[in-house]
PDB file of N, CA and C in Angstrom:
ATOM      1  N   UNK A   1      16.528  -2.472  -6.018  1.00  0.00           N
ATOM      2  CA  UNK A   1      16.370  -2.536  -7.445  1.00  0.00           C
ATOM      3  C   UNK A   1      17.555  -3.265  -8.085  1.00  0.00           C
ATOM      4  N   UNK A   2      18.748  -3.002  -7.579  1.00  0.00           N
ATOM      5  CA  UNK A   2      19.942  -3.641  -8.140  1.00  0.00           C
ATOM      6  C   UNK A   2      19.913  -5.150  -7.928  1.00  0.00           C
ATOM      7  N   UNK A   3      19.489  -5.582  -6.748  1.00  0.00           N
ATOM      8  CA  UNK A   3      19.391  -7.021  -6.484  1.00  0.00           C
ATOM      9  C   UNK A   3      18.357  -7.680  -7.385  1.00  0.00           C
ATOM     10  N   UNK A   4      17.243  -6.991  -7.626  1.00  0.00           N
ATOM     11  CA  UNK A   4      16.205  -7.539  -8.507  1.00  0.00           C
ATOM     12  C   UNK A   4      16.732  -7.691  -9.930  1.00  0.00           C
ATOM     13  N   UNK A   5      17.469  -6.693 -10.407  1.00  0.00           N
ATOM     14  CA  UNK A   5      18.040  -6.769 -11.756  1.00  0.00           C
ATOM     15  C   UNK A   5      19.064  -7.895 -11.826  1.00  0.00           C
ATOM     16  N   UNK A   6      19.932  -7.986 -10.825  1.00  0.00           N
ATOM     17  CA  UNK A   6      20.926  -9.067 -10.814  1.00  0.00           C
ATOM     18  C   UNK A   6      20.250 -10.436 -10.825  1.00  0.00           C
ATOM     19  N   UNK A   7      19.164 -10.573 -10.063  1.00  0.00           N
ATOM     20  CA  UNK A   7      18.425 -11.832 -10.051  1.00  0.00           C
ATOM     21  C   UNK A   7      17.815 -12.144 -11.413  1.00  0.00           C
ATOM     22  N   UNK A   8      17.258 -11.129 -12.058  1.00  0.00           N
ATOM     23  CA  UNK A   8      16.684 -11.324 -13.397  1.00  0.00           C
ATOM     24  C   UNK A   8      17.756 -11.720 -14.399  1.00  0.00           C
ATOM     25  N   UNK A   9      18.899 -11.067 -14.341  1.00  0.00           N
ATOM     26  CA  UNK A   9      19.993 -11.398 -15.261  1.00  0.00           C
ATOM     27  C   UNK A   9      20.435 -12.846 -15.078  1.00  0.00           C
ATOM     28  N   UNK A  10      20.522 -13.284 -13.833  1.00  0.00           N
ATOM     29  CA  UNK A  10      20.931 -14.664 -13.564  1.00  0.00           C
ATOM     30  C   UNK A  10      19.889 -15.653 -14.098  1.00  0.00           C
ATOM     31  N   UNK A  11      18.607 -15.372 -13.836  1.00  0.00           N
ATOM     32  CA  UNK A  11      17.550 -16.276 -14.306  1.00  0.00           C
ATOM     33  C   UNK A  11      17.465 -16.308 -15.828  1.00  0.00           C
ATOM     34  N   UNK A  12      17.689 -15.165 -16.456  1.00  0.00           N
ATOM     35  CA  UNK A  12      17.625 -15.088 -17.918  1.00  0.00           C
ATOM     36  C   UNK A  12      18.918 -15.541 -18.593  1.00  0.00           C
ATOM     37  N   UNK A  13      19.939 -15.744 -17.782  1.00  0.00           N
ATOM     38  CA  UNK A  13      21.260 -16.143 -18.285  1.00  0.00           C
ATOM     39  C   UNK A  13      21.755 -15.182 -19.366  1.00  0.00           C
ATOM     40  N   UNK A  14      21.735 -13.902 -19.015  1.00  0.00           N
ATOM     41  CA  UNK A  14      22.200 -12.858 -19.927  1.00  0.00           C
ATOM     42  C   UNK A  14      22.968 -11.806 -19.131  1.00  0.00           C
ATOM     43  N   UNK A  15      23.605 -10.898 -19.831  1.00  0.00           N
ATOM     44  CA  UNK A  15      24.412  -9.878 -19.155  1.00  0.00           C
ATOM     45  C   UNK A  15      23.737  -8.516 -19.109  1.00  0.00           C
ATOM     46  N   UNK A  16      22.625  -8.357 -19.833  1.00  0.00           N
ATOM     47  CA  UNK A  16      21.926  -7.073 -19.808  1.00  0.00           C
ATOM     48  C   UNK A  16      20.445  -7.255 -20.131  1.00  0.00           C
ATOM     49  N   UNK A  17      19.673  -6.248 -19.773  1.00  0.00           N
ATOM     50  CA  UNK A  17      18.243  -6.196 -20.070  1.00  0.00           C
ATOM     51  C   UNK A  17      18.043  -5.064 -21.067  1.00  0.00           C
ATOM     52  N   UNK A  18      17.384  -5.354 -22.189  1.00  0.00           N
ATOM     53  CA  UNK A  18      17.151  -4.319 -23.201  1.00  0.00           C
ATOM     54  C   UNK A  18      16.301  -3.178 -22.657  1.00  0.00           C
ATOM     55  N   UNK A  19      15.146  -3.503 -22.095  1.00  0.00           N
ATOM     56  CA  UNK A  19      14.218  -2.485 -21.594  1.00  0.00           C
ATOM     57  C   UNK A  19      13.727  -2.894 -20.215  1.00  0.00           C
ATOM     58  N   UNK A  20      14.092  -2.117 -19.220  1.00  0.00           N
ATOM     59  CA  UNK A  20      13.626  -2.341 -17.851  1.00  0.00           C
ATOM     60  C   UNK A  20      12.481  -1.377 -17.585  1.00  0.00           C
ATOM     61  N   UNK A  21      11.347  -1.906 -17.147  1.00  0.00           N
ATOM     62  CA  UNK A  21      10.193  -1.066 -16.858  1.00  0.00           C
ATOM     63  C   UNK A  21       9.864  -1.097 -15.380  1.00  0.00           C
ATOM     64  N   UNK A  22       9.625   0.092 -14.842  1.00  0.00           N
ATOM     65  CA  UNK A  22       9.086   0.147 -13.485  1.00  0.00           C
ATOM     66  C   UNK A  22       7.566   0.142 -13.633  1.00  0.00           C
ATOM     67  N   UNK A  23       6.890  -0.518 -12.709  1.00  0.00           N
ATOM     68  CA  UNK A  23       5.461  -0.755 -12.893  1.00  0.00           C
ATOM     69  C   UNK A  23       4.553   0.013 -11.951  1.00  0.00           C
ATOM     70  N   UNK A  24       5.068   0.899 -11.203  1.00  0.00           N
ATOM     71  CA  UNK A  24       4.246   1.755 -10.342  1.00  0.00           C
ATOM     72  C   UNK A  24       5.066   2.984  -9.955  1.00  0.00           C
ATOM     73  N   UNK A  25       4.369   4.063  -9.687  1.00  0.00           N
ATOM     74  CA  UNK A  25       4.972   5.260  -9.111  1.00  0.00           C
ATOM     75  C   UNK A  25       4.857   5.103  -7.605  1.00  0.00           C
ATOM     76  N   UNK A  26       5.966   5.168  -6.901  1.00  0.00           N
ATOM     77  CA  UNK A  26       5.951   5.008  -5.450  1.00  0.00           C
ATOM     78  C   UNK A  26       6.162   6.371  -4.800  1.00  0.00           C
ATOM     79  N   UNK A  27       5.113   6.962  -4.234  1.00  0.00           N
ATOM     80  CA  UNK A  27       5.245   8.286  -3.627  1.00  0.00           C
ATOM     81  C   UNK A  27       6.125   8.295  -2.376  1.00  0.00           C
ATOM     82  N   UNK A  28       6.418   7.117  -1.831  1.00  0.00           N
ATOM     83  CA  UNK A  28       7.264   7.023  -0.642  1.00  0.00           C
ATOM     84  C   UNK A  28       8.751   7.153  -0.972  1.00  0.00           C
ATOM     85  N   UNK A  29       9.107   6.966  -2.235  1.00  0.00           N
ATOM     86  CA  UNK A  29      10.508   7.051  -2.658  1.00  0.00           C
ATOM     87  C   UNK A  29      10.683   8.332  -3.458  1.00  0.00           C
ATOM     88  N   UNK A  30      11.633   9.190  -3.073  1.00  0.00           N
ATOM     89  CA  UNK A  30      11.841  10.436  -3.819  1.00  0.00           C
ATOM     90  C   UNK A  30      12.129  10.160  -5.297  1.00  0.00           C
ATOM     91  N   UNK A  31      11.553  10.984  -6.163  1.00  0.00           N
ATOM     92  CA  UNK A  31      11.742  10.825  -7.608  1.00  0.00           C
ATOM     93  C   UNK A  31      13.224  10.846  -7.971  1.00  0.00           C
ATOM     94  N   UNK A  32      13.995  11.693  -7.297  1.00  0.00           N
ATOM     95  CA  UNK A  32      15.429  11.782  -7.570  1.00  0.00           C
ATOM     96  C   UNK A  32      16.125  10.447  -7.320  1.00  0.00           C
ATOM     97  N   UNK A  33      15.719   9.775  -6.249  1.00  0.00           N
ATOM     98  CA  UNK A  33      16.319   8.483  -5.898  1.00  0.00           C
ATOM     99  C   UNK A  33      15.953   7.409  -6.931  1.00  0.00           C
ATOM    100  N   UNK A  34      14.704   7.402  -7.346  1.00  0.00           N
ATOM    101  CA  UNK A  34      14.255   6.434  -8.357  1.00  0.00           C
ATOM    102  C   UNK A  34      15.022   6.607  -9.656  1.00  0.00           C
ATOM    103  N   UNK A  35      15.087   7.849 -10.132  1.00  0.00           N
ATOM    104  CA  UNK A  35      15.722   8.092 -11.429  1.00  0.00           C
ATOM    105  C   UNK A  35      17.239   7.912 -11.361  1.00  0.00           C
ATOM    106  N   UNK A  36      17.843   8.193 -10.207  1.00  0.00           N
ATOM    107  CA  UNK A  36      19.288   7.955 -10.064  1.00  0.00           C
ATOM    108  C   UNK A  36      19.577   6.462 -10.118  1.00  0.00           C
ATOM    109  N   UNK A  37      18.769   5.668  -9.429  1.00  0.00           N
ATOM    110  CA  UNK A  37      18.972   4.216  -9.434  1.00  0.00           C
ATOM    111  C   UNK A  37      18.832   3.654 -10.845  1.00  0.00           C
ATOM    112  N   UNK A  38      17.812   4.100 -11.575  1.00  0.00           N
ATOM    113  CA  UNK A  38      17.625   3.628 -12.950  1.00  0.00           C
ATOM    114  C   UNK A  38      18.787   4.062 -13.839  1.00  0.00           C
ATOM    115  N   UNK A  39      19.229   5.298 -13.668  1.00  0.00           N
ATOM    116  CA  UNK A  39      20.372   5.803 -14.437  1.00  0.00           C
ATOM    117  C   UNK A  39      21.633   4.992 -14.119  1.00  0.00           C
ATOM    118  N   UNK A  40      21.843   4.696 -12.848  1.00  0.00           N
ATOM    119  CA  UNK A  40      23.018   3.913 -12.444  1.00  0.00           C
ATOM    120  C   UNK A  40      22.995   2.514 -13.063  1.00  0.00           C
ATOM    121  N   UNK A  41      21.814   1.926 -13.193  1.00  0.00           N
ATOM    122  CA  UNK A  41      21.709   0.611 -13.837  1.00  0.00           C
ATOM    123  C   UNK A  41      22.105   0.697 -15.309  1.00  0.00           C
ATOM    124  N   UNK A  42      21.728   1.779 -15.959  1.00  0.00           N
ATOM    125  CA  UNK A  42      22.128   1.969 -17.359  1.00  0.00           C
ATOM    126  C   UNK A  42      23.631   2.191 -17.449  1.00  0.00           C
ATOM    127  N   UNK A  43      24.159   3.028 -16.580  1.00  0.00           N
ATOM    128  CA  UNK A  43      25.597   3.293 -16.587  1.00  0.00           C
ATOM    129  C   UNK A  43      26.411   2.031 -16.329  1.00  0.00           C
ATOM    130  N   UNK A  44      25.859   1.114 -15.553  1.00  0.00           N
ATOM    131  CA  UNK A  44      26.565  -0.137 -15.251  1.00  0.00           C
ATOM    132  C   UNK A  44      26.572  -1.096 -16.439  1.00  0.00           C
ATOM    133  N   UNK A  45      25.707  -0.834 -17.430  1.00  0.00           N
ATOM    134  CA  UNK A  45      25.608  -1.717 -18.586  1.00  0.00           C
ATOM    135  C   UNK A  45      24.627  -2.861 -18.404  1.00  0.00           C
ATOM    136  N   UNK A  46      24.021  -2.950 -17.221  1.00  0.00           N
ATOM    137  CA  UNK A  46      23.076  -4.040 -16.963  1.00  0.00           C
ATOM    138  C   UNK A  46      21.723  -3.798 -17.629  1.00  0.00           C
ATOM    139  N   UNK A  47      21.423  -2.539 -17.924  1.00  0.00           N
ATOM    140  CA  UNK A  47      20.161  -2.143 -18.546  1.00  0.00           C
ATOM    141  C   UNK A  47      20.487  -1.177 -19.675  1.00  0.00           C
ATOM    142  N   UNK A  48      19.804  -1.324 -20.810  1.00  0.00           N
ATOM    143  CA  UNK A  48      20.060  -0.421 -21.938  1.00  0.00           C
ATOM    144  C   UNK A  48      19.071   0.740 -21.996  1.00  0.00           C
ATOM    145  N   UNK A  49      17.800   0.488 -21.702  1.00  0.00           N
ATOM    146  CA  UNK A  49      16.769   1.526 -21.737  1.00  0.00           C
ATOM    147  C   UNK A  49      15.816   1.325 -20.574  1.00  0.00           C
ATOM    148  N   UNK A  50      15.123   2.408 -20.191  1.00  0.00           N
ATOM    149  CA  UNK A  50      14.139   2.320 -19.118  1.00  0.00           C
ATOM    150  C   UNK A  50      12.779   2.800 -19.609  1.00  0.00           C
ATOM    151  N   UNK A  51      11.745   2.193 -19.047  1.00  0.00           N
ATOM    152  CA  UNK A  51      10.377   2.570 -19.359  1.00  0.00           C
ATOM    153  C   UNK A  51       9.534   2.496 -18.097  1.00  0.00           C
ATOM    154  N   UNK A  52       8.267   2.843 -18.246  1.00  0.00           N
ATOM    155  CA  UNK A  52       7.359   2.845 -17.100  1.00  0.00           C
ATOM    156  C   UNK A  52       6.000   2.313 -17.531  1.00  0.00           C
ATOM    157  N   UNK A  53       5.205   1.929 -16.545  1.00  0.00           N
ATOM    158  CA  UNK A  53       3.824   1.529 -16.810  1.00  0.00           C
ATOM    159  C   UNK A  53       2.987   1.795 -15.571  1.00  0.00           C
ATOM    160  N   UNK A  54       1.686   1.820 -15.775  1.00  0.00           N
ATOM    161  CA  UNK A  54       0.710   1.919 -14.683  1.00  0.00           C
ATOM    162  C   UNK A  54       0.940   3.112 -13.768  1.00  0.00           C
ATOM    163  N   UNK A  55       1.150   4.262 -14.365  1.00  0.00           N
ATOM    164  CA  UNK A  55       1.230   5.486 -13.580  1.00  0.00           C
ATOM    165  C   UNK A  55       0.500   6.590 -14.325  1.00  0.00           C
ATOM    166  N   UNK A  56       0.184   7.636 -13.610  1.00  0.00           N
ATOM    167  CA  UNK A  56      -0.527   8.762 -14.209  1.00  0.00           C
ATOM    168  C   UNK A  56       0.422   9.599 -15.068  1.00  0.00           C
ATOM    169  N   UNK A  57      -0.197  10.323 -15.996  1.00  0.00           N
ATOM    170  CA  UNK A  57       0.556  11.185 -16.902  1.00  0.00           C
ATOM    171  C   UNK A  57       1.500  12.103 -16.141  1.00  0.00           C
ATOM    172  N   UNK A  58       1.005  12.784 -15.090  1.00  0.00           N
ATOM    173  CA  UNK A  58       1.826  13.750 -14.372  1.00  0.00           C
ATOM    174  C   UNK A  58       2.982  13.067 -13.638  1.00  0.00           C
ATOM    175  N   UNK A  59       2.788  11.827 -13.187  1.00  0.00           N
ATOM    176  CA  UNK A  59       3.861  11.102 -12.507  1.00  0.00           C
ATOM    177  C   UNK A  59       4.975  10.756 -13.488  1.00  0.00           C
ATOM    178  N   UNK A  60       4.594  10.270 -14.660  1.00  0.00           N
ATOM    179  CA  UNK A  60       5.557   9.953 -15.715  1.00  0.00           C
ATOM    180  C   UNK A  60       6.324  11.209 -16.120  1.00  0.00           C
ATOM    181  N   UNK A  61       5.600  12.297 -16.345  1.00  0.00           N
ATOM    182  CA  UNK A  61       6.227  13.558 -16.740  1.00  0.00           C
ATOM    183  C   UNK A  61       7.154  14.073 -15.642  1.00  0.00           C
ATOM    184  N   UNK A  62       6.728  13.947 -14.397  1.00  0.00           N
ATOM    185  CA  UNK A  62       7.549  14.405 -13.270  1.00  0.00           C
ATOM    186  C   UNK A  62       8.865  13.621 -13.185  1.00  0.00           C
ATOM    187  N   UNK A  63       8.795  12.309 -13.291  1.00  0.00           N
ATOM    188  CA  UNK A  63      10.012  11.497 -13.231  1.00  0.00           C
ATOM    189  C   UNK A  63      10.957  11.831 -14.382  1.00  0.00           C
ATOM    190  N   UNK A  64      10.416  12.021 -15.573  1.00  0.00           N
ATOM    191  CA  UNK A  64      11.266  12.387 -16.710  1.00  0.00           C
ATOM    192  C   UNK A  64      11.891  13.761 -16.517  1.00  0.00           C
ATOM    193  N   UNK A  65      11.139  14.703 -15.974  1.00  0.00           N
ATOM    194  CA  UNK A  65      11.679  16.046 -15.722  1.00  0.00           C
ATOM    195  C   UNK A  65      12.802  15.989 -14.685  1.00  0.00           C
ATOM    196  N   UNK A  66      12.614  15.212 -13.642  1.00  0.00           N
ATOM    197  CA  UNK A  66      13.662  15.034 -12.626  1.00  0.00           C
ATOM    198  C   UNK A  66      14.917  14.455 -13.269  1.00  0.00           C
ATOM    199  N   UNK A  67      14.743  13.476 -14.130  1.00  0.00           N
ATOM    200  CA  UNK A  67      15.897  12.869 -14.813  1.00  0.00           C
ATOM    201  C   UNK A  67      16.623  13.910 -15.653  1.00  0.00           C
ATOM    202  N   UNK A  68      15.891  14.667 -16.427  1.00  0.00           N
ATOM    203  CA  UNK A  68      16.518  15.661 -17.312  1.00  0.00           C
ATOM    204  C   UNK A  68      17.221  16.759 -16.521  1.00  0.00           C
ATOM    205  N   UNK A  69      16.592  17.233 -15.449  1.00  0.00           N
ATOM    206  CA  UNK A  69      17.198  18.297 -14.634  1.00  0.00           C
ATOM    207  C   UNK A  69      18.502  17.846 -14.004  1.00  0.00           C
ATOM    208  N   UNK A  70      18.631  16.560 -13.752  1.00  0.00           N
ATOM    209  CA  UNK A  70      19.824  16.022 -13.097  1.00  0.00           C
ATOM    210  C   UNK A  70      20.760  15.316 -14.072  1.00  0.00           C
ATOM    211  N   UNK A  71      20.564  15.545 -15.369  1.00  0.00           N
ATOM    212  CA  UNK A  71      21.393  14.931 -16.422  1.00  0.00           C
ATOM    213  C   UNK A  71      21.421  13.410 -16.306  1.00  0.00           C
ATOM    214  N   UNK A  72      20.247  12.853 -16.055  1.00  0.00           N
ATOM    215  CA  UNK A  72      20.123  11.398 -15.956  1.00  0.00           C
ATOM    216  C   UNK A  72      19.253  10.880 -17.090  1.00  0.00           C
ATOM    217  N   UNK A  73      19.257   9.593 -17.258  1.00  0.00           N
ATOM    218  CA  UNK A  73      18.504   8.953 -18.327  1.00  0.00           C
ATOM    219  C   UNK A  73      17.000   9.066 -18.080  1.00  0.00           C
ATOM    220  N   UNK A  74      16.265   9.437 -19.123  1.00  0.00           N
ATOM    221  CA  UNK A  74      14.804   9.529 -19.046  1.00  0.00           C
ATOM    222  C   UNK A  74      14.177   8.264 -19.634  1.00  0.00           C
ATOM    223  N   UNK A  75      12.906   8.082 -19.368  1.00  0.00           N
ATOM    224  CA  UNK A  75      12.172   6.946 -19.918  1.00  0.00           C
ATOM    225  C   UNK A  75      12.075   7.054 -21.437  1.00  0.00           C
ATOM    226  N   UNK A  76      12.110   5.909 -22.101  1.00  0.00           N
ATOM    227  CA  UNK A  76      11.930   5.877 -23.556  1.00  0.00           C
ATOM    228  C   UNK A  76      10.555   5.340 -23.935  1.00  0.00           C
ATOM    229  N   UNK A  77       9.824   4.780 -22.968  1.00  0.00           N
ATOM    230  CA  UNK A  77       8.518   4.207 -23.286  1.00  0.00           C
ATOM    231  C   UNK A  77       7.587   4.275 -22.089  1.00  0.00           C
ATOM    232  N   UNK A  78       6.291   4.206 -22.412  1.00  0.00           N
ATOM    233  CA  UNK A  78       5.246   4.148 -21.397  1.00  0.00           C
ATOM    234  C   UNK A  78       4.252   3.088 -21.830  1.00  0.00           C
ATOM    235  N   UNK A  79       4.069   2.068 -21.010  1.00  0.00           N
ATOM    236  CA  UNK A  79       3.110   1.007 -21.305  1.00  0.00           C
ATOM    237  C   UNK A  79       1.890   1.251 -20.433  1.00  0.00           C
ATOM    238  N   UNK A  80       0.835   1.714 -21.056  1.00  0.00           N
ATOM    239  CA  UNK A  80      -0.353   2.016 -20.274  1.00  0.00           C
ATOM    240  C   UNK A  80      -1.558   2.172 -21.163  1.00  0.00           C
ATOM    241  N   UNK A  81      -2.653   2.586 -20.565  1.00  0.00           N
ATOM    242  CA  UNK A  81      -3.903   2.732 -21.299  1.00  0.00           C
ATOM    243  C   UNK A  81      -4.188   4.188 -21.651  1.00  0.00           C
ATOM    244  N   UNK A  82      -3.174   5.055 -21.587  1.00  0.00           N
ATOM    245  CA  UNK A  82      -3.363   6.458 -21.930  1.00  0.00           C
ATOM    246  C   UNK A  82      -3.532   6.626 -23.428  1.00  0.00           C
ATOM    247  N   UNK A  83      -4.255   7.656 -23.854  1.00  0.00           N
ATOM    248  CA  UNK A  83      -4.376   7.928 -25.286  1.00  0.00           C
ATOM    249  C   UNK A  83      -3.012   8.247 -25.901  1.00  0.00           C
ATOM    250  N   UNK A  84      -2.897   7.972 -27.170  1.00  0.00           N
ATOM    251  CA  UNK A  84      -1.664   8.224 -27.896  1.00  0.00           C
ATOM    252  C   UNK A  84      -1.229   9.675 -27.784  1.00  0.00           C
ATOM    253  N   UNK A  85      -2.176  10.599 -27.680  1.00  0.00           N
ATOM    254  CA  UNK A  85      -1.859  12.021 -27.590  1.00  0.00           C
ATOM    255  C   UNK A  85      -0.875  12.302 -26.463  1.00  0.00           C
ATOM    256  N   UNK A  86      -1.059  11.695 -25.302  1.00  0.00           N
ATOM    257  CA  UNK A  86      -0.156  11.927 -24.184  1.00  0.00           C
ATOM    258  C   UNK A  86       1.270  11.519 -24.530  1.00  0.00           C
ATOM    259  N   UNK A  87       1.422  10.430 -25.215  1.00  0.00           N
ATOM    260  CA  UNK A  87       2.751   9.937 -25.561  1.00  0.00           C
ATOM    261  C   UNK A  87       3.430  10.852 -26.562  1.00  0.00           C
ATOM    262  N   UNK A  88       2.659  11.400 -27.492  1.00  0.00           N
ATOM    263  CA  UNK A  88       3.235  12.338 -28.446  1.00  0.00           C
ATOM    264  C   UNK A  88       3.713  13.593 -27.736  1.00  0.00           C
ATOM    265  N   UNK A  89       2.951  14.067 -26.756  1.00  0.00           N
ATOM    266  CA  UNK A  89       3.346  15.241 -25.987  1.00  0.00           C
ATOM    267  C   UNK A  89       4.619  14.978 -25.195  1.00  0.00           C
ATOM    268  N   UNK A  90       4.764  13.767 -24.687  1.00  0.00           N
ATOM    269  CA  UNK A  90       5.921  13.417 -23.869  1.00  0.00           C
ATOM    270  C   UNK A  90       7.125  13.000 -24.696  1.00  0.00           C
ATOM    271  N   UNK A  91       6.923  12.729 -25.967  1.00  0.00           N
ATOM    272  CA  UNK A  91       8.024  12.272 -26.809  1.00  0.00           C
ATOM    273  C   UNK A  91       8.427  10.843 -26.512  1.00  0.00           C
ATOM    274  N   UNK A  92       7.515  10.047 -25.984  1.00  0.00           N
ATOM    275  CA  UNK A  92       7.828   8.657 -25.652  1.00  0.00           C
ATOM    276  C   UNK A  92       7.118   7.719 -26.612  1.00  0.00           C
ATOM    277  N   UNK A  93       7.506   6.478 -26.592  1.00  0.00           N
ATOM    278  CA  UNK A  93       6.863   5.452 -27.403  1.00  0.00           C
ATOM    279  C   UNK A  93       5.760   4.805 -26.583  1.00  0.00           C
ATOM    280  N   UNK A  94       4.694   4.431 -27.240  1.00  0.00           N
ATOM    281  CA  UNK A  94       3.524   3.871 -26.574  1.00  0.00           C
ATOM    282  C   UNK A  94       3.460   2.369 -26.795  1.00  0.00           C
ATOM    283  N   UNK A  95       3.281   1.611 -25.715  1.00  0.00           N
ATOM    284  CA  UNK A  95       3.040   0.179 -25.799  1.00  0.00           C
ATOM    285  C   UNK A  95       1.728  -0.073 -25.067  1.00  0.00           C
ATOM    286  N   UNK A  96       0.744  -0.621 -25.740  1.00  0.00           N
ATOM    287  CA  UNK A  96      -0.561  -0.823 -25.128  1.00  0.00           C
ATOM    288  C   UNK A  96      -0.501  -1.899 -24.056  1.00  0.00           C
ATOM    289  N   UNK A  97      -1.084  -1.592 -22.936  1.00  0.00           N
ATOM    290  CA  UNK A  97      -1.202  -2.543 -21.836  1.00  0.00           C
ATOM    291  C   UNK A  97      -2.571  -3.194 -21.945  1.00  0.00           C
ATOM    292  N   UNK A  98      -2.605  -4.479 -22.227  1.00  0.00           N
ATOM    293  CA  UNK A  98      -3.895  -5.155 -22.360  1.00  0.00           C
ATOM    294  C   UNK A  98      -4.095  -6.130 -21.215  1.00  0.00           C
ATOM    295  N   UNK A  99      -5.336  -6.429 -20.991  1.00  0.00           N
ATOM    296  CA  UNK A  99      -5.686  -7.418 -19.977  1.00  0.00           C
ATOM    297  C   UNK A  99      -6.437  -8.541 -20.674  1.00  0.00           C
ATOM    298  N   UNK A 100      -6.665  -9.618 -19.978  1.00  0.00           N
ATOM    299  CA  UNK A 100      -7.409 -10.727 -20.565  1.00  0.00           C
ATOM    300  C   UNK A 100      -8.812 -10.303 -20.974  1.00  0.00           C
ATOM    301  N   UNK A 101      -9.391  -9.337 -20.285  1.00  0.00           N
ATOM    302  CA  UNK A 101     -10.734  -8.886 -20.646  1.00  0.00           C
ATOM    303  C   UNK A 101     -10.734  -8.168 -21.987  1.00  0.00           C
ATOM    304  N   UNK A 102      -9.594  -7.616 -22.410  1.00  0.00           N
ATOM    305  CA  UNK A 102      -9.500  -6.970 -23.715  1.00  0.00           C
ATOM    306  C   UNK A 102      -9.610  -7.980 -24.847  1.00  0.00           C
ATOM    307  N   UNK A 103      -9.381  -9.244 -24.556  1.00  0.00           N
ATOM    308  CA  UNK A 103      -9.364 -10.266 -25.592  1.00  0.00           C
ATOM    309  C   UNK A 103     -10.735 -10.866 -25.855  1.00  0.00           C
ATOM    310  N   UNK A 104     -11.690 -10.576 -24.986  1.00  0.00           N
ATOM    311  CA  UNK A 104     -13.020 -11.170 -25.159  1.00  0.00           C
ATOM    312  C   UNK A 104     -13.959 -10.254 -25.896  1.00  0.00           C
TER     313      UNK A 104
END
């Protein structure tokens, strides 16, 4: 993850990313490891906020709970097709994920 962020920073010719989003829940990687890595990126100053997309409600909630239990940074946004109600329950901001078929 760190190499990917460093590569993005170099390509964008900037020193930080405002919002870094992970785009899948990976059951092969422990939630603690995922959230620690994201927190470490924020602590390094390379990333200011973290968000997620394309995961189920319970996966998003689980990752945020792991972050909070370990005093790490939680997600500030979820980009997905979930109803707004879920985002209000989670206290996150909603960004609609659209596809080209949504435009027709």
